[in-house]
Amino acid sequence: MVQIIIYILLISFIAISIHYYLVNRQLKSEIAQIEDELKIIVNENIRHRLLAPPYSYTKNICFQINKLCTNYQNDILSLKTSEKKYKDLMINLSHDVRTPLASMLGHLELLTESINESPSDNLSISLEVINRKALELTDFVEMLFQWTKLDANEEKFVFSSYDINEQSRMLISKWISFFDKNNIEYSFHIPEKEYRCSIDAAAYQRILDNLFKNILNHSHATKMKFSVTQSDSHIHLLIEDNGIGIKPEDQNLVFERLYQCDLSRNSKGNGLGLAIVKELVQKMNGTITFKSVPHIYTRFLISFPLQSL
């Protein structure tokens, strides 16, 4: 009986030893293969992935390594995209700053040459051009400054409870003369009842200013309307015009920084206004959607959470 037990123990020991040897050899082989595969990923191809059969001892490790490589690859792509956008920003910055400056300098030279001559229409025209270009340049620098602060999360917001209807009436009043000057028929539907929400007043002003500038500078519209409505939990702002609109293939780019529907760059604008609008709306816990049917309507819908009384 004792001999049988000894034989069983001996056989068990031998079996365990053989199993351990086989497992150890298999692990060494799989680890060596992982090492070779990692060398390919590090030195040759970031898109390469580790393959492990279902019975592999290291399949979970391979899965985690593949997941890490995928995240790293996505980070690289995101970084390259960001770098390209900043390069585009610098290219556009160079263009948008140099062009009005060149125009201003040319007219200043003309003024200098005619300084001793009697006043003329040319003098008045040159002064008007210089003033207009200076305003365009100032507007661009301000937009760029706003975007840079938002992108770096350095913008400071002061949230308070406001009646969005009263705020809207106050801000819209200064734009009426501009719509009149550009022969744009307007309609404003703002309830007398208070719709209160928590917003930053300066940020809300920038949102409306940028949207109205967009209509004036790009839409070629003859009509626009602004309305405020309320649902159970949100306040909704609708800004709509009947201008040229945005082509369907470009509509997913509307809120991208530097996007301009006029690729010839002959129109006013710097491609930052709507990107800033979206950032500001989101910073105030709101949402903004966009829809355009070219030459029929372009519509922006902004929603802010309604403040409970």
Protein backbone atom coordinates (compact mmCIF):
# COMPACT_ATOMS: atom_id res chain seq x y z
CA MET A 1 0.00 0.00 0.00
CA VAL A 2 2.83 2.33 0.88
CA GLN A 3 4.57 1.49 -2.35
CA ILE A 4 1.42 2.38 -4.30
CA ILE A 5 1.18 5.74 -2.58
CA ILE A 6 4.87 6.39 -3.31
CA TYR A 7 4.35 5.47 -6.96
CA ILE A 8 1.33 7.80 -7.20
CA LEU A 9 3.22 10.65 -5.58
CA LEU A 10 6.21 10.04 -7.84
CA ILE A 11 4.03 10.00 -10.96
CA SER A 12 2.23 13.15 -9.79
CA PHE A 13 5.57 14.89 -9.20
CA ILE A 14 6.82 13.87 -12.63
CA ALA A 15 3.56 15.04 -14.24
CA ILE A 16 3.66 18.37 -12.43
CA SER A 17 7.32 18.82 -13.38
CA ILE A 18 6.59 18.08 -17.02
CA HIS A 19 3.60 20.45 -16.99
CA TYR A 20 5.69 23.17 -15.36
CA TYR A 21 8.44 22.64 -17.92
CA LEU A 22 6.01 22.85 -20.82
CA VAL A 23 4.25 25.91 -19.41
CA ASN A 24 7.56 27.61 -18.73
CA ARG A 25 8.79 26.88 -22.26
CA GLN A 26 5.51 28.11 -23.73
CA LEU A 27 5.67 31.32 -21.66
CA LYS A 28 9.26 31.96 -22.70
CA SER A 29 8.27 31.47 -26.33
CA GLU A 30 5.29 33.80 -26.04
CA ILE A 31 7.30 36.45 -24.20
CA ALA A 32 10.02 36.27 -26.85
CA GLN A 33 7.37 36.68 -29.53
CA ILE A 34 5.86 39.67 -27.70
CA GLU A 35 9.32 41.23 -27.47
CA ASP A 36 9.85 40.80 -31.23
CA GLU A 37 6.43 42.25 -31.98
CA LEU A 38 7.06 45.24 -29.72
CA LYS A 39 10.32 45.97 -31.55
CA ILE A 40 8.31 46.18 -34.77
CA ILE A 41 5.81 48.57 -33.14
CA VAL A 42 8.50 50.77 -31.60
CA ASN A 43 10.92 50.90 -34.53
CA GLU A 44 8.88 50.34 -37.67
CA ASN A 45 5.08 50.43 -37.59
CA ILE A 46 2.89 51.91 -34.84
CA ARG A 47 -0.14 50.29 -36.53
CA HIS A 48 1.26 46.78 -36.00
CA ARG A 49 -0.62 44.70 -33.43
CA LEU A 50 0.15 41.62 -31.33
CA LEU A 51 -1.67 38.41 -32.25
CA ALA A 52 -2.33 35.76 -29.61
CA PRO A 53 -4.34 32.52 -30.04
CA PRO A 54 -7.23 31.89 -27.65
CA TYR A 55 -5.23 29.32 -25.64
CA SER A 56 -2.27 31.64 -25.19
CA TYR A 57 -1.13 32.36 -21.63
CA THR A 58 -0.36 35.96 -22.56
CA LYS A 59 -3.52 36.81 -24.50
CA ASN A 60 -4.72 39.32 -21.88
CA ILE A 61 -1.32 41.01 -21.84
CA CYS A 62 -1.36 41.21 -25.65
CA PHE A 63 -4.86 42.71 -25.55
CA GLN A 64 -3.78 45.41 -23.10
CA ILE A 65 -0.66 46.19 -25.13
CA ASN A 66 -2.76 46.49 -28.30
CA LYS A 67 -5.17 48.79 -26.49
CA LEU A 68 -2.27 50.95 -25.29
CA CYS A 69 -0.85 51.13 -28.82
CA THR A 70 -4.25 52.13 -30.22
CA ASN A 71 -4.60 54.92 -27.67
CA TYR A 72 -1.05 56.08 -28.43
CA GLN A 73 -1.76 56.04 -32.17
CA ASN A 74 -4.94 58.07 -31.65
CA ASP A 75 -3.00 60.58 -29.53
CA ILE A 76 -0.43 60.95 -32.30
CA LEU A 77 -3.16 61.52 -34.90
CA SER A 78 -4.85 64.05 -32.65
CA LEU A 79 -1.55 65.85 -32.10
CA LYS A 80 -0.84 65.96 -35.83
CA THR A 81 -4.33 67.32 -36.49
CA SER A 82 -3.85 69.97 -33.81
CA GLU A 83 -0.45 70.90 -35.22
CA LYS A 84 -1.96 71.28 -38.70
CA LYS A 85 -4.71 73.52 -37.35
CA TYR A 86 -2.19 75.74 -35.60
CA LYS A 87 -0.09 75.92 -38.75
CA ASP A 88 -3.22 76.93 -40.66
CA LEU A 89 -3.93 79.48 -37.94
CA MET A 90 -0.48 81.04 -38.36
CA ILE A 91 -0.85 81.09 -42.16
CA ASN A 92 -4.22 82.82 -41.89
CA LEU A 93 -2.88 85.13 -39.20
CA SER A 94 -0.11 86.20 -41.53
CA HIS A 95 -2.56 86.81 -44.36
CA ASP A 96 -5.22 88.59 -42.30
CA VAL A 97 -2.73 90.89 -40.60
CA ARG A 98 -0.49 91.64 -43.58
CA THR A 99 -3.27 92.38 -46.09
CA PRO A 100 -5.00 95.23 -44.20
CA LEU A 101 -1.64 96.59 -43.09
CA ALA A 102 -0.40 96.69 -46.69
CA SER A 103 -3.57 98.51 -47.71
CA MET A 104 -3.25 101.00 -44.86
CA LEU A 105 0.42 101.65 -45.63
CA GLY A 106 -0.35 102.25 -49.31
CA HIS A 107 -2.98 104.85 -48.49
CA LEU A 108 -0.75 106.44 -45.87
CA GLU A 109 1.92 106.82 -48.54
CA LEU A 110 -0.65 108.48 -50.79
CA LEU A 111 -1.61 110.83 -47.97
CA THR A 112 2.02 111.69 -47.36
CA GLU A 113 2.58 112.54 -51.01
CA SER A 114 -0.47 114.80 -51.09
CA ILE A 115 -0.02 116.36 -47.67
CA ASN A 116 0.90 119.76 -49.18
CA GLU A 117 -1.85 119.66 -51.78
CA SER A 118 -5.33 120.99 -51.32
CA PRO A 119 -7.88 118.57 -49.83
CA SER A 120 -9.44 116.24 -52.39
CA ASP A 121 -11.84 113.35 -52.71
CA ASN A 122 -8.86 111.00 -52.85
CA LEU A 123 -7.81 112.15 -49.40
CA SER A 124 -11.25 111.41 -47.95
CA ILE A 125 -11.38 108.00 -49.64
CA SER A 126 -7.93 107.08 -48.32
CA LEU A 127 -8.86 108.05 -44.79
CA GLU A 128 -12.03 105.98 -45.04
CA VAL A 129 -10.09 102.93 -46.27
CA ILE A 130 -7.50 103.29 -43.52
CA ASN A 131 -10.21 103.53 -40.89
CA ARG A 132 -12.08 100.50 -42.25
CA LYS A 133 -8.96 98.34 -42.50
CA ALA A 134 -7.86 99.36 -39.02
CA LEU A 135 -11.25 98.27 -37.66
CA GLU A 136 -11.02 94.94 -39.52
CA LEU A 137 -7.55 94.34 -38.13
CA THR A 138 -8.66 95.24 -34.62
CA ASP A 139 -11.61 92.89 -34.89
CA PHE A 140 -9.40 90.04 -36.06
CA VAL A 141 -6.86 90.52 -33.27
CA GLU A 142 -9.69 90.58 -30.72
CA MET A 143 -11.20 87.38 -32.16
CA LEU A 144 -7.81 85.68 -32.09
CA PHE A 145 -7.27 86.77 -28.50
CA GLN A 146 -10.69 85.43 -27.48
CA TRP A 147 -10.10 82.08 -29.16
CA THR A 148 -6.64 81.67 -27.66
CA LYS A 149 -7.97 82.25 -24.14
CA LEU A 150 -10.84 79.82 -24.67
CA ASP A 151 -8.59 77.17 -26.19
CA ALA A 152 -6.17 77.45 -23.26
CA ASN A 153 -9.02 77.37 -20.69
CA GLU A 154 -7.88 80.75 -19.37
CA GLU A 155 -11.21 82.51 -19.87
CA LYS A 156 -12.79 83.51 -16.56
CA PHE A 157 -16.57 83.33 -16.41
CA VAL A 158 -18.81 85.07 -13.89
CA PHE A 159 -22.18 83.32 -13.75
CA SER A 160 -25.24 85.13 -12.45
CA SER A 161 -28.99 84.80 -12.76
CA TYR A 162 -30.27 86.85 -15.72
CA ASP A 163 -33.55 87.34 -17.50
CA ILE A 164 -32.49 86.19 -20.97
CA ASN A 165 -35.30 88.19 -22.56
CA GLU A 166 -34.18 91.49 -21.05
CA GLN A 167 -30.55 90.76 -21.87
CA SER A 168 -31.47 89.95 -25.47
CA ARG A 169 -33.52 93.13 -25.93
CA MET A 170 -30.68 95.24 -24.58
CA LEU A 171 -28.05 93.62 -26.82
CA ILE A 172 -30.20 93.57 -29.97
CA SER A 173 -30.98 97.29 -29.77
CA LYS A 174 -27.49 98.28 -30.89
CA TRP A 175 -27.72 96.07 -34.01
CA ILE A 176 -30.92 97.51 -35.44
CA SER A 177 -29.14 100.40 -37.17
CA PHE A 178 -26.70 97.97 -38.82
CA PHE A 179 -29.54 95.84 -40.17
CA ASP A 180 -31.26 98.97 -41.45
CA LYS A 181 -28.05 100.16 -43.11
CA ASN A 182 -27.66 96.81 -44.89
CA ASN A 183 -31.33 96.69 -45.94
CA ILE A 184 -32.04 93.59 -43.87
CA GLU A 185 -35.63 93.21 -42.75
CA TYR A 186 -35.70 91.97 -39.16
CA SER A 187 -38.20 90.57 -36.70
CA PHE A 188 -37.70 89.95 -33.00
CA HIS A 189 -40.03 87.78 -30.93
CA ILE A 190 -39.06 88.15 -27.29
CA PRO A 191 -41.68 87.46 -24.59
CA GLU A 192 -42.35 90.01 -21.89
CA LYS A 193 -42.29 87.25 -19.29
CA GLU A 194 -38.99 86.56 -17.49
CA TYR A 195 -36.97 83.54 -18.62
CA ARG A 196 -34.14 83.23 -16.13
CA CYS A 197 -30.95 81.26 -16.55
CA SER A 198 -27.42 81.29 -15.17
CA ILE A 199 -25.05 82.82 -17.72
CA ASP A 200 -22.03 85.06 -18.06
CA ALA A 201 -23.41 88.36 -19.44
CA ALA A 202 -20.25 89.27 -21.37
CA ALA A 203 -20.08 85.81 -22.95
CA TYR A 204 -23.74 85.99 -23.97
CA GLN A 205 -23.11 89.36 -25.62
CA ARG A 206 -20.20 87.88 -27.60
CA ILE A 207 -22.42 85.02 -28.75
CA LEU A 208 -25.09 87.32 -30.17
CA ASP A 209 -22.53 89.76 -31.57
CA ASN A 210 -20.71 87.01 -33.47
CA LEU A 211 -23.94 85.53 -34.85
CA PHE A 212 -25.22 88.92 -36.01
CA LYS A 213 -21.83 89.74 -37.54
CA ASN A 214 -22.00 86.45 -39.38
CA ILE A 215 -25.33 87.46 -40.91
CA LEU A 216 -24.10 90.91 -41.91
CA ASN A 217 -20.73 89.83 -43.28
CA HIS A 218 -21.45 86.50 -44.95
CA SER A 219 -25.11 85.69 -45.46
CA HIS A 220 -26.17 88.22 -48.16
CA ALA A 221 -29.55 87.95 -46.44
CA THR A 222 -32.51 90.28 -46.90
CA LYS A 223 -34.39 88.98 -43.85
CA MET A 224 -33.48 87.75 -40.39
CA LYS A 225 -35.38 86.83 -37.27
CA PHE A 226 -34.58 86.27 -33.63
CA SER A 227 -36.90 84.56 -31.16
CA VAL A 228 -36.87 83.25 -27.61
CA THR A 229 -39.01 80.32 -26.44
CA GLN A 230 -39.17 78.19 -23.31
CA SER A 231 -39.72 74.49 -22.71
CA ASP A 232 -40.04 72.66 -19.41
CA SER A 233 -36.32 72.70 -18.69
CA HIS A 234 -34.61 74.94 -21.25
CA ILE A 235 -34.62 78.36 -22.90
CA HIS A 236 -34.27 78.26 -26.69
CA LEU A 237 -32.86 81.04 -28.88
CA LEU A 238 -33.45 80.93 -32.63
CA ILE A 239 -31.41 83.06 -35.05
CA GLU A 240 -32.38 82.62 -38.70
CA ASP A 241 -31.69 84.37 -42.01
CA ASN A 242 -32.66 83.80 -45.65
CA GLY A 243 -29.17 84.21 -47.09
CA ILE A 244 -26.99 82.06 -49.32
CA GLY A 245 -26.50 79.46 -46.59
CA ILE A 246 -23.87 76.73 -46.40
CA LYS A 247 -23.44 73.88 -48.86
CA PRO A 248 -24.35 70.45 -47.42
CA GLU A 249 -20.79 69.13 -47.80
CA ASP A 250 -19.47 72.04 -45.70
CA GLN A 251 -22.05 72.04 -42.92
CA ASN A 252 -20.05 69.80 -40.59
CA LEU A 253 -17.24 72.38 -40.68
CA VAL A 254 -19.26 75.42 -39.64
CA PHE A 255 -18.04 75.43 -36.03
CA GLU A 256 -14.43 74.55 -36.93
CA ARG A 257 -11.95 77.32 -36.27
CA LEU A 258 -10.62 78.96 -39.45
CA TYR A 259 -13.57 77.67 -41.48
CA GLN A 260 -14.69 80.14 -44.13
CA CYS A 261 -17.32 79.38 -46.74
CA ASP A 262 -15.57 81.86 -49.05
CA LEU A 263 -12.33 80.02 -49.78
CA SER A 264 -11.12 82.87 -51.98
CA ARG A 265 -10.90 84.92 -48.75
CA ASN A 266 -12.49 87.91 -50.45
CA SER A 267 -15.20 88.24 -47.84
CA LYS A 268 -14.93 89.74 -44.41
CA GLY A 269 -14.26 87.44 -41.49
CA ASN A 270 -11.52 85.31 -40.01
CA GLY A 271 -13.08 81.90 -39.50
CA LEU A 272 -13.09 82.21 -35.70
CA GLY A 273 -16.46 83.77 -34.89
CA LEU A 274 -18.67 80.66 -34.96
CA ALA A 275 -16.00 78.52 -33.30
CA ILE A 276 -15.96 81.02 -30.44
CA VAL A 277 -19.78 80.97 -30.29
CA LYS A 278 -19.83 77.18 -29.84
CA GLU A 279 -17.11 77.27 -27.17
CA LEU A 280 -18.92 79.99 -25.20
CA VAL A 281 -22.29 78.21 -25.41
CA GLN A 282 -20.73 74.98 -24.12
CA LYS A 283 -18.88 76.80 -21.34
CA MET A 284 -22.29 78.03 -20.12
CA ASN A 285 -23.75 74.49 -20.11
CA GLY A 286 -25.69 75.15 -23.30
CA THR A 287 -25.97 73.49 -26.68
CA ILE A 288 -25.98 74.89 -30.21
CA THR A 289 -27.21 73.24 -33.39
CA PHE A 290 -27.07 74.39 -36.97
CA LYS A 291 -29.11 73.75 -40.10
CA SER A 292 -28.93 75.36 -43.50
CA VAL A 293 -30.85 74.98 -46.74
CA PRO A 294 -28.86 77.09 -49.24
CA HIS A 295 -30.72 80.19 -50.46
CA ILE A 296 -33.72 79.35 -48.26
CA TYR A 297 -32.65 79.61 -44.61
CA THR A 298 -29.76 79.25 -42.21
CA ARG A 299 -30.78 78.54 -38.64
CA PHE A 300 -28.89 78.47 -35.34
CA LEU A 301 -30.68 77.10 -32.28
CA ILE A 302 -29.11 77.71 -28.86
CA SER A 303 -30.46 76.15 -25.66
CA PHE A 304 -29.59 77.03 -22.07
CA PRO A 305 -30.86 75.27 -18.93
CA LEU A 306 -33.80 77.10 -17.41
CA GLN A 307 -33.10 78.27 -13.86
CA SER A 308 -35.62 76.86 -11.43
CA LEU A 309 -37.40 79.43 -9.26
